[in-house]
């Protein structure tokens, strides 16, 4: 892992991009890294575009601003590509992960000025298969961990098990499905 990795998340209100960025920060913290995970707030409402951010480092993080030149971008809803410049500032040696069923050639046409790596993940299918409902953030979280190499997969899964046990203490029946979604996404990338 590089000394500092910056990630920008694009999603819509209610899809869990903010939650995924906070879960990623928590997991990275539990592996001894310095972290930041935060949303950019505006007039949030269900379905409105939102942005969230992560900084993950092996050293203390001294900057406290939005991320303008991310190493990675996660697009939780591919319809945002048509209305938000999701690749703005994205480093050419980084990558973008898009929740979509479109093939990469279709995405390249839409992301005309971006020539870096593009990854796709069908988070809807994974979520429906693992959870029986559409929660794209869980598969996308696993996808960005795999692509970025922020932490080893086994450490990530251990951290997420502990996190889900805490988060879903009153709903333990959802833990298994969320863990299954993470594992399916790690294999799909």
N, C-alpha and C. Protein backbone atom coordinates (compact mmCIF):
# COMPACT_ATOMS: atom_id res chain seq x y z
N UNK A 1 0.84 -1.19 0.00
CA UNK A 1 0.00 0.00 0.00
C UNK A 1 0.88 1.25 0.00
N UNK A 2 0.47 2.26 -0.76
CA UNK A 2 1.16 3.54 -0.73
C UNK A 2 0.99 4.16 0.66
N UNK A 3 1.81 5.16 0.96
CA UNK A 3 1.70 5.84 2.27
C UNK A 3 0.34 6.46 2.49
N UNK A 4 -0.28 6.98 1.42
CA UNK A 4 -1.59 7.63 1.54
C UNK A 4 -2.44 7.25 0.34
N UNK A 5 -3.64 6.75 0.62
CA UNK A 5 -4.62 6.44 -0.42
C UNK A 5 -5.84 7.30 -0.18
N UNK A 6 -6.30 7.97 -1.25
CA UNK A 6 -7.49 8.80 -1.16
C UNK A 6 -8.57 8.22 -2.08
N UNK A 7 -9.78 8.12 -1.53
CA UNK A 7 -10.91 7.53 -2.26
C UNK A 7 -12.08 8.49 -2.21
N UNK A 8 -12.74 8.65 -3.35
CA UNK A 8 -13.97 9.44 -3.40
C UNK A 8 -15.10 8.51 -3.80
N UNK A 9 -16.20 8.58 -3.06
CA UNK A 9 -17.39 7.77 -3.31
C UNK A 9 -18.47 8.65 -3.91
N UNK A 10 -19.13 8.16 -4.97
CA UNK A 10 -20.30 8.83 -5.55
C UNK A 10 -21.48 7.88 -5.44
N UNK A 11 -22.56 8.37 -4.88
CA UNK A 11 -23.76 7.55 -4.77
C UNK A 11 -24.98 8.45 -4.71
N UNK A 12 -26.08 7.85 -4.37
CA UNK A 12 -27.32 8.60 -4.17
C UNK A 12 -27.75 8.38 -2.74
N UNK A 13 -28.41 9.38 -2.17
CA UNK A 13 -28.89 9.28 -0.81
C UNK A 13 -29.70 8.01 -0.61
N UNK A 14 -29.34 7.23 0.39
CA UNK A 14 -30.05 5.99 0.69
C UNK A 14 -29.37 4.74 0.16
N UNK A 15 -28.30 4.89 -0.65
CA UNK A 15 -27.61 3.73 -1.19
C UNK A 15 -26.45 3.25 -0.32
N UNK A 16 -26.09 4.03 0.68
CA UNK A 16 -25.07 3.59 1.62
C UNK A 16 -23.64 3.97 1.29
N UNK A 17 -23.41 4.93 0.40
CA UNK A 17 -22.03 5.35 0.09
C UNK A 17 -21.36 5.92 1.34
N UNK A 18 -22.08 6.75 2.08
CA UNK A 18 -21.53 7.32 3.32
C UNK A 18 -21.22 6.20 4.31
N UNK A 19 -22.14 5.28 4.49
CA UNK A 19 -21.92 4.17 5.42
C UNK A 19 -20.73 3.33 4.99
N UNK A 20 -20.61 3.05 3.70
CA UNK A 20 -19.48 2.26 3.21
C UNK A 20 -18.16 2.96 3.48
N UNK A 21 -18.11 4.28 3.28
CA UNK A 21 -16.86 5.00 3.54
C UNK A 21 -16.50 4.96 5.02
N UNK A 22 -17.50 5.02 5.88
CA UNK A 22 -17.23 4.94 7.32
C UNK A 22 -16.83 3.53 7.74
N UNK A 23 -17.44 2.52 7.14
CA UNK A 23 -17.05 1.13 7.43
C UNK A 23 -15.62 0.86 6.97
N UNK A 24 -15.25 1.40 5.81
CA UNK A 24 -13.88 1.24 5.31
C UNK A 24 -12.89 1.91 6.26
N UNK A 25 -13.24 3.11 6.71
CA UNK A 25 -12.36 3.81 7.66
C UNK A 25 -12.19 3.00 8.94
N UNK A 26 -13.27 2.46 9.44
CA UNK A 26 -13.24 1.66 10.66
C UNK A 26 -12.37 0.42 10.48
N UNK A 27 -12.54 -0.28 9.36
CA UNK A 27 -11.75 -1.49 9.10
C UNK A 27 -10.27 -1.15 8.98
N UNK A 28 -9.94 -0.07 8.27
CA UNK A 28 -8.54 0.32 8.11
C UNK A 28 -7.93 0.72 9.45
N UNK A 29 -8.71 1.43 10.26
CA UNK A 29 -8.24 1.81 11.60
C UNK A 29 -7.91 0.57 12.43
N UNK A 30 -8.75 -0.44 12.32
CA UNK A 30 -8.53 -1.66 13.08
C UNK A 30 -7.31 -2.45 12.62
N UNK A 31 -6.76 -2.11 11.47
CA UNK A 31 -5.52 -2.75 11.01
C UNK A 31 -4.31 -1.85 11.26
N UNK A 32 -4.51 -0.80 12.07
CA UNK A 32 -3.39 0.05 12.48
C UNK A 32 -3.11 1.23 11.58
N UNK A 33 -4.00 1.55 10.68
CA UNK A 33 -3.77 2.68 9.79
C UNK A 33 -4.41 3.96 10.34
N UNK A 34 -3.93 5.07 9.85
CA UNK A 34 -4.54 6.37 10.14
C UNK A 34 -5.65 6.56 9.12
N UNK A 35 -6.76 7.11 9.55
CA UNK A 35 -7.91 7.15 8.65
C UNK A 35 -8.69 8.46 8.73
N UNK A 36 -9.42 8.71 7.67
CA UNK A 36 -10.49 9.70 7.65
C UNK A 36 -11.60 9.11 6.79
N UNK A 37 -12.81 9.26 7.23
CA UNK A 37 -13.97 8.85 6.46
C UNK A 37 -15.07 9.85 6.73
N UNK A 38 -15.52 10.55 5.69
CA UNK A 38 -16.49 11.61 5.92
C UNK A 38 -17.31 11.88 4.67
N UNK A 39 -18.55 12.33 4.86
CA UNK A 39 -19.39 12.70 3.72
C UNK A 39 -19.28 14.19 3.44
N UNK A 40 -19.70 14.58 2.25
CA UNK A 40 -19.86 15.99 1.93
C UNK A 40 -21.36 16.25 1.96
N UNK A 41 -21.76 17.10 2.86
CA UNK A 41 -23.19 17.34 3.02
C UNK A 41 -23.65 18.54 2.22
N UNK A 42 -24.82 18.41 1.68
CA UNK A 42 -25.53 19.46 0.98
C UNK A 42 -27.00 19.25 1.30
N UNK A 43 -27.86 19.57 0.38
CA UNK A 43 -29.29 19.34 0.62
C UNK A 43 -29.64 17.87 0.39
N UNK A 44 -29.22 16.99 1.31
CA UNK A 44 -29.42 15.56 1.15
C UNK A 44 -30.89 15.17 1.21
N UNK A 45 -31.24 14.30 0.32
CA UNK A 45 -32.56 13.70 0.35
C UNK A 45 -32.42 12.36 -0.38
N UNK A 46 -33.35 11.49 -0.13
CA UNK A 46 -33.31 10.18 -0.75
C UNK A 46 -33.21 10.32 -2.27
N UNK A 47 -32.20 9.68 -2.84
CA UNK A 47 -32.01 9.70 -4.29
C UNK A 47 -31.15 10.82 -4.82
N UNK A 48 -30.83 11.83 -4.01
CA UNK A 48 -29.99 12.93 -4.48
C UNK A 48 -28.53 12.49 -4.51
N UNK A 49 -27.73 13.02 -5.45
CA UNK A 49 -26.31 12.67 -5.49
C UNK A 49 -25.60 13.08 -4.20
N UNK A 50 -24.76 12.19 -3.70
CA UNK A 50 -23.95 12.49 -2.51
C UNK A 50 -22.50 12.09 -2.80
N UNK A 51 -21.61 12.65 -2.01
CA UNK A 51 -20.19 12.33 -2.12
C UNK A 51 -19.66 12.01 -0.73
N UNK A 52 -18.83 11.00 -0.65
CA UNK A 52 -18.16 10.66 0.61
C UNK A 52 -16.69 10.42 0.29
N UNK A 53 -15.87 10.45 1.33
CA UNK A 53 -14.42 10.40 1.12
C UNK A 53 -13.74 9.49 2.14
N UNK A 54 -12.58 8.96 1.75
CA UNK A 54 -11.68 8.24 2.65
C UNK A 54 -10.25 8.67 2.39
N UNK A 55 -9.54 8.84 3.46
CA UNK A 55 -8.08 8.93 3.42
C UNK A 55 -7.58 7.81 4.33
N UNK A 56 -6.65 7.03 3.83
CA UNK A 56 -6.09 5.93 4.60
C UNK A 56 -4.59 6.00 4.42
N UNK A 57 -3.88 5.99 5.56
CA UNK A 57 -2.44 6.21 5.50
C UNK A 57 -1.71 5.38 6.55
N UNK A 58 -0.44 5.15 6.27
CA UNK A 58 0.43 4.50 7.25
C UNK A 58 1.05 5.54 8.18
N UNK A 59 0.83 6.83 7.87
CA UNK A 59 1.36 7.93 8.67
C UNK A 59 0.21 8.85 9.11
N UNK A 60 0.42 9.67 10.13
CA UNK A 60 -0.63 10.61 10.53
C UNK A 60 -1.08 11.48 9.35
N UNK A 61 -2.36 11.76 9.29
CA UNK A 61 -2.94 12.55 8.20
C UNK A 61 -3.11 13.98 8.70
N UNK A 62 -2.47 14.91 8.03
CA UNK A 62 -2.49 16.31 8.46
C UNK A 62 -3.48 17.18 7.68
N UNK A 63 -3.93 16.70 6.53
CA UNK A 63 -4.84 17.48 5.70
C UNK A 63 -6.28 17.17 6.10
N UNK A 64 -7.12 18.21 6.11
CA UNK A 64 -8.53 18.06 6.49
C UNK A 64 -9.39 18.84 5.49
N UNK A 65 -9.54 18.27 4.30
CA UNK A 65 -10.34 18.90 3.26
C UNK A 65 -10.99 17.81 2.43
N UNK A 66 -11.85 18.22 1.51
CA UNK A 66 -12.37 17.25 0.56
C UNK A 66 -11.21 16.69 -0.25
N UNK A 67 -11.47 15.66 -1.00
CA UNK A 67 -10.43 15.04 -1.83
C UNK A 67 -10.68 15.46 -3.28
N UNK A 68 -9.71 16.17 -3.84
CA UNK A 68 -9.85 16.70 -5.18
C UNK A 68 -9.08 15.89 -6.23
N UNK A 69 -8.10 15.11 -5.81
CA UNK A 69 -7.33 14.28 -6.72
C UNK A 69 -7.22 12.87 -6.15
N UNK A 70 -8.34 12.12 -6.18
CA UNK A 70 -8.35 10.79 -5.56
C UNK A 70 -7.52 9.78 -6.34
N UNK A 71 -7.07 8.77 -5.60
CA UNK A 71 -6.41 7.62 -6.22
C UNK A 71 -7.46 6.68 -6.81
N UNK A 72 -8.60 6.62 -6.13
CA UNK A 72 -9.68 5.72 -6.53
C UNK A 72 -11.02 6.44 -6.41
N UNK A 73 -11.93 6.07 -7.30
CA UNK A 73 -13.30 6.56 -7.24
C UNK A 73 -14.22 5.34 -7.26
N UNK A 74 -15.24 5.38 -6.40
CA UNK A 74 -16.25 4.33 -6.36
C UNK A 74 -17.57 4.98 -6.77
N UNK A 75 -18.20 4.43 -7.80
CA UNK A 75 -19.49 4.93 -8.27
C UNK A 75 -20.54 3.87 -7.92
N UNK A 76 -21.35 4.18 -6.91
CA UNK A 76 -22.33 3.23 -6.40
C UNK A 76 -23.56 3.16 -7.30
N UNK A 77 -23.81 4.21 -8.09
CA UNK A 77 -24.96 4.25 -8.99
C UNK A 77 -24.47 4.75 -10.35
N UNK A 78 -24.48 3.87 -11.36
CA UNK A 78 -23.91 4.25 -12.65
C UNK A 78 -24.68 5.35 -13.38
N UNK A 79 -25.90 5.66 -12.97
CA UNK A 79 -26.63 6.77 -13.60
C UNK A 79 -25.97 8.11 -13.28
N UNK A 80 -25.15 8.15 -12.25
CA UNK A 80 -24.44 9.39 -11.90
C UNK A 80 -23.40 9.78 -12.95
N UNK A 81 -22.92 8.81 -13.70
CA UNK A 81 -21.92 9.10 -14.73
C UNK A 81 -22.45 10.11 -15.74
N UNK A 82 -23.77 10.10 -15.96
CA UNK A 82 -24.37 11.01 -16.93
C UNK A 82 -24.59 12.42 -16.39
N UNK A 83 -24.52 12.60 -15.06
CA UNK A 83 -24.83 13.93 -14.51
C UNK A 83 -23.75 14.48 -13.58
N UNK A 84 -22.76 13.69 -13.22
CA UNK A 84 -21.69 14.13 -12.33
C UNK A 84 -20.36 13.74 -12.98
N UNK A 85 -19.38 14.64 -12.92
CA UNK A 85 -18.05 14.31 -13.46
C UNK A 85 -17.32 13.44 -12.42
N UNK A 86 -17.61 12.15 -12.45
CA UNK A 86 -17.07 11.23 -11.44
C UNK A 86 -15.56 11.05 -11.55
N UNK A 87 -14.98 11.36 -12.68
CA UNK A 87 -13.53 11.20 -12.83
C UNK A 87 -12.75 12.49 -12.60
N UNK A 88 -13.43 13.56 -12.18
CA UNK A 88 -12.74 14.84 -11.95
C UNK A 88 -11.56 14.63 -10.99
N UNK A 89 -10.39 14.97 -11.45
CA UNK A 89 -9.20 14.89 -10.62
C UNK A 89 -8.66 13.49 -10.39
N UNK A 90 -9.34 12.46 -10.88
CA UNK A 90 -8.90 11.08 -10.65
C UNK A 90 -7.55 10.83 -11.29
N UNK A 91 -6.60 10.35 -10.49
CA UNK A 91 -5.25 10.12 -10.98
C UNK A 91 -5.25 9.03 -12.05
N UNK A 92 -4.47 9.25 -13.09
CA UNK A 92 -4.41 8.30 -14.20
C UNK A 92 -3.85 6.94 -13.77
N UNK A 93 -3.04 6.92 -12.72
CA UNK A 93 -2.51 5.63 -12.25
C UNK A 93 -3.40 5.01 -11.18
N UNK A 94 -4.56 5.61 -10.95
CA UNK A 94 -5.53 5.07 -10.01
C UNK A 94 -6.53 4.19 -10.74
N UNK A 95 -7.76 4.18 -10.24
CA UNK A 95 -8.79 3.35 -10.87
C UNK A 95 -10.17 3.83 -10.45
N UNK A 96 -11.16 3.47 -11.26
CA UNK A 96 -12.55 3.74 -10.94
C UNK A 96 -13.28 2.41 -10.88
N UNK A 97 -14.14 2.26 -9.88
CA UNK A 97 -14.97 1.08 -9.72
C UNK A 97 -16.42 1.52 -9.87
N UNK A 98 -17.14 0.90 -10.81
CA UNK A 98 -18.51 1.30 -11.11
C UNK A 98 -19.45 0.11 -10.89
N UNK A 99 -20.53 0.38 -10.16
CA UNK A 99 -21.60 -0.59 -9.99
C UNK A 99 -22.45 -0.53 -11.26
N UNK A 100 -22.30 -1.53 -12.12
CA UNK A 100 -22.99 -1.50 -13.40
C UNK A 100 -23.04 -2.88 -14.04
N UNK A 101 -23.93 -3.01 -15.00
CA UNK A 101 -23.95 -4.21 -15.85
C UNK A 101 -23.41 -3.87 -17.23
N UNK A 102 -23.07 -2.59 -17.46
CA UNK A 102 -22.49 -2.18 -18.74
C UNK A 102 -21.09 -2.75 -18.87
N UNK A 103 -20.67 -2.97 -20.11
CA UNK A 103 -19.30 -3.44 -20.26
C UNK A 103 -18.35 -2.25 -20.27
N UNK A 104 -17.08 -2.54 -20.14
CA UNK A 104 -16.08 -1.49 -19.98
C UNK A 104 -16.01 -0.59 -21.21
N UNK A 105 -16.23 -1.14 -22.41
CA UNK A 105 -16.19 -0.29 -23.61
C UNK A 105 -17.29 0.77 -23.58
N UNK A 106 -18.47 0.42 -23.06
CA UNK A 106 -19.54 1.41 -22.93
C UNK A 106 -19.13 2.50 -21.93
N UNK A 107 -18.52 2.09 -20.83
CA UNK A 107 -18.09 3.06 -19.82
C UNK A 107 -17.00 3.97 -20.35
N UNK A 108 -16.08 3.43 -21.13
CA UNK A 108 -15.00 4.24 -21.70
C UNK A 108 -15.55 5.37 -22.55
N UNK A 109 -16.64 5.09 -23.27
CA UNK A 109 -17.26 6.14 -24.08
C UNK A 109 -17.81 7.26 -23.20
N UNK A 110 -18.42 6.89 -22.09
CA UNK A 110 -19.00 7.88 -21.19
C UNK A 110 -17.93 8.63 -20.38
N UNK A 111 -16.82 7.96 -20.09
CA UNK A 111 -15.73 8.55 -19.31
C UNK A 111 -14.61 8.97 -20.27
N UNK A 112 -14.95 9.76 -21.27
CA UNK A 112 -14.07 10.07 -22.40
C UNK A 112 -12.67 10.53 -22.02
N UNK A 113 -12.56 11.38 -21.05
CA UNK A 113 -11.25 11.95 -20.74
C UNK A 113 -10.44 11.10 -19.76
N UNK A 114 -11.00 10.00 -19.27
CA UNK A 114 -10.28 9.16 -18.32
C UNK A 114 -9.70 7.95 -19.04
N UNK A 115 -8.39 7.77 -18.91
CA UNK A 115 -7.73 6.65 -19.60
C UNK A 115 -7.13 5.64 -18.64
N UNK A 116 -7.42 5.78 -17.34
CA UNK A 116 -6.90 4.84 -16.35
C UNK A 116 -7.72 3.56 -16.28
N UNK A 117 -7.49 2.80 -15.24
CA UNK A 117 -8.16 1.52 -15.06
C UNK A 117 -9.63 1.70 -14.68
N UNK A 118 -10.47 0.87 -15.29
CA UNK A 118 -11.90 0.87 -15.00
C UNK A 118 -12.29 -0.55 -14.59
N UNK A 119 -12.93 -0.66 -13.44
CA UNK A 119 -13.43 -1.94 -12.95
C UNK A 119 -14.95 -1.85 -12.82
N UNK A 120 -15.62 -2.96 -13.07
CA UNK A 120 -17.07 -3.00 -12.89
C UNK A 120 -17.44 -4.11 -11.92
N UNK A 121 -18.57 -3.91 -11.28
CA UNK A 121 -19.11 -4.89 -10.34
C UNK A 121 -20.63 -4.78 -10.40
N UNK A 122 -21.30 -5.91 -10.54
CA UNK A 122 -22.76 -5.90 -10.52
C UNK A 122 -23.21 -6.05 -9.06
N UNK A 123 -23.19 -4.94 -8.35
CA UNK A 123 -23.53 -4.94 -6.93
C UNK A 123 -25.00 -5.26 -6.71
N UNK A 124 -25.85 -4.95 -7.68
CA UNK A 124 -27.27 -5.29 -7.55
C UNK A 124 -27.45 -6.80 -7.49
N UNK A 125 -26.83 -7.52 -8.42
CA UNK A 125 -26.98 -8.97 -8.45
C UNK A 125 -26.40 -9.60 -7.19
N UNK A 126 -25.20 -9.16 -6.80
CA UNK A 126 -24.57 -9.71 -5.60
C UNK A 126 -25.45 -9.45 -4.38
N UNK A 127 -25.92 -8.23 -4.25
CA UNK A 127 -26.77 -7.85 -3.12
C UNK A 127 -28.05 -8.67 -3.08
N UNK A 128 -28.70 -8.80 -4.22
CA UNK A 128 -29.95 -9.57 -4.27
C UNK A 128 -29.70 -11.04 -3.95
N UNK A 129 -28.62 -11.60 -4.49
CA UNK A 129 -28.30 -13.01 -4.23
C UNK A 129 -27.94 -13.26 -2.77
N UNK A 130 -27.19 -12.34 -2.17
CA UNK A 130 -26.70 -12.55 -0.80
C UNK A 130 -27.68 -12.07 0.27
N UNK A 131 -28.38 -10.98 -0.01
CA UNK A 131 -29.22 -10.34 1.01
C UNK A 131 -30.72 -10.38 0.71
N UNK A 132 -31.06 -10.64 -0.54
CA UNK A 132 -32.47 -10.63 -0.92
C UNK A 132 -33.04 -9.24 -1.08
N UNK A 133 -32.20 -8.22 -0.95
CA UNK A 133 -32.59 -6.81 -1.11
C UNK A 133 -31.42 -6.07 -1.73
N UNK A 134 -31.71 -4.88 -2.24
CA UNK A 134 -30.68 -4.11 -2.93
C UNK A 134 -29.98 -3.15 -1.99
N UNK A 135 -28.79 -3.55 -1.55
CA UNK A 135 -27.90 -2.71 -0.76
C UNK A 135 -26.54 -2.74 -1.45
N UNK A 136 -26.28 -1.81 -2.39
CA UNK A 136 -25.06 -1.87 -3.19
C UNK A 136 -23.78 -1.54 -2.43
N UNK A 137 -23.91 -0.89 -1.28
CA UNK A 137 -22.69 -0.44 -0.59
C UNK A 137 -21.81 -1.59 -0.11
N UNK A 138 -22.40 -2.68 0.34
CA UNK A 138 -21.60 -3.79 0.87
C UNK A 138 -20.70 -4.40 -0.22
N UNK A 139 -21.24 -4.77 -1.38
CA UNK A 139 -20.35 -5.28 -2.43
C UNK A 139 -19.32 -4.25 -2.91
N UNK A 140 -19.73 -2.98 -3.00
CA UNK A 140 -18.80 -1.96 -3.48
C UNK A 140 -17.66 -1.74 -2.49
N UNK A 141 -17.94 -1.87 -1.22
CA UNK A 141 -16.91 -1.77 -0.18
C UNK A 141 -15.85 -2.85 -0.39
N UNK A 142 -16.30 -4.08 -0.58
CA UNK A 142 -15.34 -5.17 -0.81
C UNK A 142 -14.57 -4.95 -2.10
N UNK A 143 -15.26 -4.44 -3.12
CA UNK A 143 -14.60 -4.21 -4.40
C UNK A 143 -13.45 -3.23 -4.31
N UNK A 144 -13.65 -2.13 -3.59
CA UNK A 144 -12.57 -1.14 -3.50
C UNK A 144 -11.43 -1.63 -2.63
N UNK A 145 -11.73 -2.44 -1.64
CA UNK A 145 -10.64 -3.03 -0.83
C UNK A 145 -9.78 -3.93 -1.71
N UNK A 146 -10.41 -4.73 -2.55
CA UNK A 146 -9.67 -5.64 -3.43
C UNK A 146 -8.82 -4.86 -4.44
N UNK A 147 -9.42 -3.86 -5.07
CA UNK A 147 -8.72 -3.11 -6.10
C UNK A 147 -7.56 -2.30 -5.53
N UNK A 148 -7.79 -1.65 -4.41
CA UNK A 148 -6.78 -0.74 -3.84
C UNK A 148 -5.69 -1.45 -3.05
N UNK A 149 -5.98 -2.64 -2.54
CA UNK A 149 -5.00 -3.35 -1.72
C UNK A 149 -4.76 -2.68 -0.38
N UNK A 150 -5.75 -1.96 0.12
CA UNK A 150 -5.62 -1.25 1.39
C UNK A 150 -5.25 -2.19 2.52
N UNK A 151 -5.81 -3.40 2.48
CA UNK A 151 -5.51 -4.39 3.51
C UNK A 151 -5.72 -5.77 2.91
N UNK A 152 -5.09 -6.78 3.50
CA UNK A 152 -5.32 -8.14 3.01
C UNK A 152 -6.78 -8.54 3.18
N UNK A 153 -7.27 -9.35 2.27
CA UNK A 153 -8.68 -9.75 2.28
C UNK A 153 -9.09 -10.43 3.59
N UNK A 154 -8.23 -11.30 4.11
CA UNK A 154 -8.60 -12.01 5.35
C UNK A 154 -8.73 -11.04 6.52
N UNK A 155 -7.85 -10.05 6.60
CA UNK A 155 -7.95 -9.03 7.66
C UNK A 155 -9.23 -8.21 7.49
N UNK A 156 -9.53 -7.86 6.25
CA UNK A 156 -10.74 -7.10 5.94
C UNK A 156 -11.98 -7.87 6.39
N UNK A 157 -12.05 -9.13 6.05
CA UNK A 157 -13.22 -9.94 6.42
C UNK A 157 -13.34 -10.10 7.94
N UNK A 158 -12.21 -10.24 8.63
CA UNK A 158 -12.24 -10.32 10.10
C UNK A 158 -12.77 -9.01 10.69
N UNK A 159 -12.26 -7.89 10.19
CA UNK A 159 -12.71 -6.58 10.67
C UNK A 159 -14.20 -6.38 10.40
N UNK A 160 -14.66 -6.79 9.22
CA UNK A 160 -16.06 -6.59 8.88
C UNK A 160 -16.97 -7.50 9.70
N UNK A 161 -16.51 -8.69 10.01
CA UNK A 161 -17.31 -9.57 10.87
C UNK A 161 -17.53 -8.90 12.22
N UNK A 162 -16.46 -8.38 12.81
CA UNK A 162 -16.57 -7.70 14.10
C UNK A 162 -17.44 -6.45 13.99
N UNK A 163 -17.27 -5.70 12.91
CA UNK A 163 -18.05 -4.48 12.71
C UNK A 163 -19.54 -4.80 12.56
N UNK A 164 -19.86 -5.80 11.76
CA UNK A 164 -21.26 -6.18 11.56
C UNK A 164 -21.87 -6.74 12.84
N UNK A 165 -21.08 -7.47 13.63
CA UNK A 165 -21.61 -8.00 14.89
C UNK A 165 -21.99 -6.86 15.83
N UNK A 166 -21.22 -5.78 15.79
CA UNK A 166 -21.55 -4.61 16.60
C UNK A 166 -22.73 -3.83 16.00
N UNK A 167 -22.62 -3.55 14.69
CA UNK A 167 -23.64 -2.74 14.01
C UNK A 167 -25.01 -3.42 14.02
N UNK A 168 -25.01 -4.72 13.83
CA UNK A 168 -26.28 -5.46 13.74
C UNK A 168 -26.53 -6.33 14.97
N UNK A 169 -26.14 -5.84 16.13
CA UNK A 169 -26.31 -6.61 17.37
C UNK A 169 -27.77 -6.99 17.60
N UNK A 170 -28.68 -6.11 17.19
CA UNK A 170 -30.10 -6.39 17.40
C UNK A 170 -30.74 -7.07 16.19
N UNK A 171 -29.96 -7.23 15.12
CA UNK A 171 -30.45 -7.93 13.93
C UNK A 171 -29.38 -8.90 13.43
N UNK A 172 -28.97 -9.87 14.25
CA UNK A 172 -27.87 -10.75 13.86
C UNK A 172 -28.15 -11.58 12.60
N UNK A 173 -29.40 -11.70 12.22
CA UNK A 173 -29.75 -12.48 11.03
C UNK A 173 -29.22 -11.85 9.74
N UNK A 174 -28.87 -10.57 9.75
CA UNK A 174 -28.37 -9.93 8.52
C UNK A 174 -26.85 -10.03 8.38
N UNK A 175 -26.17 -10.48 9.40
CA UNK A 175 -24.70 -10.56 9.35
C UNK A 175 -24.25 -11.55 8.29
N UNK A 176 -24.82 -12.73 8.27
CA UNK A 176 -24.41 -13.76 7.33
C UNK A 176 -24.56 -13.29 5.88
N UNK A 177 -25.67 -12.65 5.56
CA UNK A 177 -25.90 -12.16 4.20
C UNK A 177 -24.91 -11.08 3.81
N UNK A 178 -24.60 -10.17 4.73
CA UNK A 178 -23.63 -9.12 4.43
C UNK A 178 -22.23 -9.70 4.23
N UNK A 179 -21.87 -10.68 5.03
CA UNK A 179 -20.56 -11.32 4.86
C UNK A 179 -20.51 -12.07 3.53
N UNK A 180 -21.61 -12.71 3.16
CA UNK A 180 -21.67 -13.41 1.88
C UNK A 180 -21.51 -12.41 0.73
N UNK A 181 -22.15 -11.25 0.83
CA UNK A 181 -22.04 -10.21 -0.20
C UNK A 181 -20.59 -9.74 -0.33
N UNK A 182 -19.90 -9.55 0.78
CA UNK A 182 -18.50 -9.13 0.74
C UNK A 182 -17.65 -10.18 0.02
N UNK A 183 -17.83 -11.45 0.39
CA UNK A 183 -17.03 -12.52 -0.21
C UNK A 183 -17.32 -12.67 -1.70
N UNK A 184 -18.59 -12.56 -2.07
CA UNK A 184 -18.95 -12.66 -3.49
C UNK A 184 -18.31 -11.53 -4.30
N UNK A 185 -18.30 -10.32 -3.74
CA UNK A 185 -17.71 -9.18 -4.44
C UNK A 185 -16.20 -9.33 -4.56
N UNK A 186 -15.55 -9.81 -3.51
CA UNK A 186 -14.10 -10.03 -3.58
C UNK A 186 -13.75 -11.01 -4.70
N UNK A 187 -14.58 -12.03 -4.89
CA UNK A 187 -14.32 -13.01 -5.94
C UNK A 187 -14.67 -12.46 -7.32
N UNK A 188 -15.64 -11.56 -7.39
CA UNK A 188 -16.11 -11.04 -8.69
C UNK A 188 -15.15 -10.04 -9.31
N UNK A 189 -14.34 -9.38 -8.51
CA UNK A 189 -13.41 -8.37 -9.05
C UNK A 189 -12.27 -9.06 -9.77
